[in-house]
Amino acid sequence: MNVKQNLNPLIKTDLYKYKTDFLKERKNLELDDKIEDKIDKYEIFDLIRNINDPEHPYNLEELNIISLDDIIVDNDNKIITVYFSPTIENCGFASLIGLSIKKKLLNFISPIYKIDVLIKEPKNESDKNLNKQMNDKERLEASNLNEAIVKFYATATINTEDYLEFLKN
C-alpha cells in the first residue's frame, strides 16, 4: 500500500454538520425504553464515517467517499444500502473500502438486516463486478482468512470505540 494512486485527494472540510444537536436528541431517544429504536441513516453513517482510507491518512467522510445522502435504511424490509464513491476511477482500493464498510456494519448491525455496499456510480464493468463481489457471502468469508485484509480492517475501523463510548455517556 505504499504506492499512491491518487496523489492529491480532495479533502472535505464541512464534516459532520448534524452531529451535536441531532446526536443529543438521538441519545435521549435511545435511552428511552418506551420508544422503539429503529436504525437510521445517521447511525449507519456514524459507524462507517471514521473508517480510515487505505491510501491516505484521512477517513471516508473526509475524502467524501461516503456521505449521509448515500445511505438508505429500509426498516420495513430490513435492508441497509450504502453507496460509496472512490476518489478516482478504477481505484485499486475500492474493494478494500467496500469490504471494510460491509464488515463494520455486519459487526454492529443486527443480522436480521441485509446489508448491501455498492459503488455509487459504476463507471465500467470492473466496478459492476466489484459490486457483486462485495456482496457475495463466500468472498466475504474468504476475506476473513486473508491476514492482510484482517489487519487492515482492524486498523481502519479503530475509531468505533469513540462512538460506542459516546453512546454510553
Protein backbone atom coordinates (compact mmCIF):
# COMPACT_ATOMS: atom_id res chain seq x y z
CA MET A 1 0.00 0.00 0.00
CA ASN A 2 2.99 2.29 -0.40
CA VAL A 3 2.18 3.34 -3.96
CA LYS A 4 -0.45 6.06 -4.05
CA GLN A 5 -2.93 6.09 -6.92
CA ASN A 6 -4.49 9.44 -6.05
CA LEU A 7 -1.71 11.88 -5.16
CA ASN A 8 -3.98 14.88 -4.48
CA PRO A 9 -7.29 13.79 -2.93
CA LEU A 10 -9.90 16.45 -2.23
CA ILE A 11 -10.46 16.79 1.49
CA LYS A 12 -13.93 17.71 2.75
CA THR A 13 -13.92 20.44 5.38
CA ASP A 14 -17.58 20.70 6.40
CA LEU A 15 -17.63 17.47 8.36
CA TYR A 16 -20.48 16.07 10.36
CA LYS A 17 -22.74 19.11 10.35
CA TYR A 18 -25.62 17.42 12.14
CA LYS A 19 -23.59 15.89 14.95
CA THR A 20 -24.15 17.94 18.09
CA ASP A 21 -27.88 18.62 18.24
CA PHE A 22 -29.01 15.50 16.47
CA LEU A 23 -26.88 13.13 18.50
CA LYS A 24 -28.02 14.65 21.78
CA GLU A 25 -31.64 14.12 20.74
CA ARG A 26 -30.96 10.61 19.45
CA LYS A 27 -29.10 9.64 22.59
CA ASN A 28 -32.15 10.64 24.66
CA LEU A 29 -34.39 8.56 22.38
CA GLU A 30 -32.10 5.55 22.66
CA LEU A 31 -32.18 5.74 26.44
CA ASP A 32 -36.00 5.82 26.49
CA ASP A 33 -37.18 2.21 26.71
CA LYS A 34 -40.73 3.22 25.71
CA ILE A 35 -39.67 4.25 22.22
CA GLU A 36 -38.73 1.74 19.53
CA ASP A 37 -35.17 2.46 18.43
CA LYS A 38 -35.12 1.95 14.68
CA ILE A 39 -31.87 2.02 12.80
CA ASP A 40 -31.49 5.18 10.76
CA LYS A 41 -29.02 6.51 8.22
CA TYR A 42 -27.37 8.68 10.88
CA GLU A 43 -26.49 5.63 12.94
CA ILE A 44 -25.06 3.87 9.88
CA PHE A 45 -23.10 6.98 8.93
CA ASP A 46 -21.72 7.23 12.48
CA LEU A 47 -20.48 3.67 12.28
CA ILE A 48 -18.65 4.00 8.95
CA ARG A 49 -17.61 7.65 8.66
CA ASN A 50 -14.35 7.15 10.58
CA ILE A 51 -13.11 4.14 8.65
CA ASN A 52 -9.60 5.03 7.54
CA ASP A 53 -8.76 5.19 3.85
CA PRO A 54 -6.20 2.54 2.84
CA GLU A 55 -4.17 5.05 0.84
CA HIS A 56 -4.30 8.36 2.73
CA PRO A 57 -4.27 9.47 6.37
CA TYR A 58 -7.92 10.52 6.15
CA ASN A 59 -11.20 8.79 6.85
CA LEU A 60 -14.03 8.02 4.43
CA GLU A 61 -16.02 11.08 5.42
CA GLU A 62 -13.07 13.46 5.00
CA LEU A 63 -12.43 12.12 1.50
CA ASN A 64 -16.14 12.30 0.67
CA ILE A 65 -16.12 8.60 -0.16
CA ILE A 66 -19.29 8.21 1.87
CA SER A 67 -22.00 10.72 2.68
CA LEU A 68 -25.20 10.76 4.64
CA ASP A 69 -27.23 11.13 1.45
CA ASP A 70 -25.88 7.85 0.08
CA ILE A 71 -27.23 5.67 2.87
CA ILE A 72 -30.68 4.09 2.62
CA VAL A 73 -32.27 2.29 5.55
CA ASP A 74 -35.46 0.35 4.90
CA ASN A 75 -36.57 -0.86 8.33
CA ASP A 76 -39.76 -2.43 6.99
CA ASN A 77 -37.87 -4.80 4.68
CA LYS A 78 -34.73 -4.93 6.87
CA ILE A 79 -32.38 -3.70 4.14
CA ILE A 80 -29.49 -1.27 4.52
CA THR A 81 -27.81 0.03 1.37
CA VAL A 82 -24.63 2.09 1.44
CA TYR A 83 -23.29 3.68 -1.72
CA PHE A 84 -19.70 4.90 -1.77
CA SER A 85 -17.66 6.88 -4.27
CA PRO A 86 -13.99 6.00 -4.74
CA THR A 87 -11.80 9.10 -5.07
CA ILE A 88 -10.65 8.14 -8.58
CA GLU A 89 -11.94 5.97 -11.41
CA ASN A 90 -10.54 2.42 -11.38
CA CYS A 91 -9.45 2.82 -7.76
CA GLY A 92 -7.42 -0.21 -6.77
CA PHE A 93 -8.57 0.15 -3.18
CA ALA A 94 -12.32 0.25 -3.86
CA SER A 95 -12.81 -3.40 -2.91
CA LEU A 96 -10.93 -2.90 0.36
CA ILE A 97 -13.01 0.18 1.18
CA GLY A 98 -16.28 -1.56 0.34
CA LEU A 99 -15.27 -4.64 2.28
CA SER A 100 -14.38 -2.54 5.33
CA ILE A 101 -17.76 -0.82 5.23
CA LYS A 102 -19.57 -4.13 4.88
CA LYS A 103 -17.62 -5.89 7.63
CA LYS A 104 -18.05 -3.00 10.03
CA LEU A 105 -21.81 -2.96 9.53
CA LEU A 106 -22.04 -6.74 9.84
CA ASN A 107 -20.22 -6.48 13.18
CA PHE A 108 -22.51 -3.80 14.62
CA ILE A 109 -25.92 -4.22 12.98
CA SER A 110 -28.39 -6.99 13.73
CA PRO A 111 -28.09 -10.00 11.41
CA ILE A 112 -31.77 -9.66 10.53
CA TYR A 113 -30.75 -6.85 8.18
CA LYS A 114 -29.49 -7.44 4.67
CA ILE A 115 -26.57 -5.10 4.04
CA ASP A 116 -25.59 -4.04 0.53
CA VAL A 117 -22.47 -1.97 -0.14
CA LEU A 118 -22.16 -0.62 -3.67
CA ILE A 119 -20.06 1.75 -5.72
CA LYS A 120 -22.36 4.72 -6.23
CA GLU A 121 -21.92 5.20 -9.96
CA PRO A 122 -20.27 2.16 -11.52
CA LYS A 123 -18.30 3.52 -14.46
CA ASN A 124 -17.17 0.28 -16.07
CA GLU A 125 -17.52 -3.49 -15.99
CA SER A 126 -14.86 -3.73 -13.29
CA ASP A 127 -16.97 -1.56 -10.94
CA LYS A 128 -20.07 -3.66 -11.66
CA ASN A 129 -18.14 -6.84 -10.86
CA LEU A 130 -16.83 -5.25 -7.68
CA ASN A 131 -20.39 -4.53 -6.57
CA LYS A 132 -21.22 -8.22 -6.98
CA GLN A 133 -18.05 -9.33 -5.16
CA MET A 134 -18.53 -7.05 -2.15
CA ASN A 135 -21.95 -8.53 -1.52
CA ASP A 136 -21.03 -12.17 -2.09
CA LYS A 137 -21.13 -14.16 1.18
CA GLU A 138 -18.41 -16.60 0.14
CA ARG A 139 -15.98 -13.82 -0.81
CA LEU A 140 -16.72 -12.04 2.44
CA GLU A 141 -15.95 -15.20 4.41
CA ALA A 142 -12.76 -15.72 2.39
CA SER A 143 -11.63 -12.20 3.30
CA ASN A 144 -11.67 -13.26 6.95
CA LEU A 145 -8.92 -15.74 6.11
CA ASN A 146 -6.69 -13.16 4.42
CA GLU A 147 -4.28 -11.87 7.08
CA ALA A 148 -3.57 -8.58 5.27
CA ILE A 149 -7.28 -7.77 4.95
CA VAL A 150 -7.98 -8.69 8.57
CA LYS A 151 -5.09 -6.48 9.72
CA PHE A 152 -6.21 -3.55 7.55
CA TYR A 153 -9.79 -3.87 8.78
CA ALA A 154 -8.67 -3.83 12.42
CA THR A 155 -6.62 -0.68 11.82
CA ALA A 156 -9.14 1.06 9.56
CA THR A 157 -12.03 0.72 11.97
CA ILE A 158 -10.29 1.54 15.23
CA ASN A 159 -12.38 4.69 15.90
CA THR A 160 -15.50 2.67 16.63
CA GLU A 161 -14.70 2.69 20.33
CA ASP A 162 -15.10 6.50 20.39
CA TYR A 163 -18.63 6.15 19.02
CA LEU A 164 -19.60 3.41 21.47
CA GLU A 165 -18.19 5.44 24.38
CA PHE A 166 -20.23 8.46 23.27
CA LEU A 167 -23.44 6.40 23.36
CA LYS A 168 -22.66 5.19 26.87
CA ASN A 169 -22.18 8.66 28.36
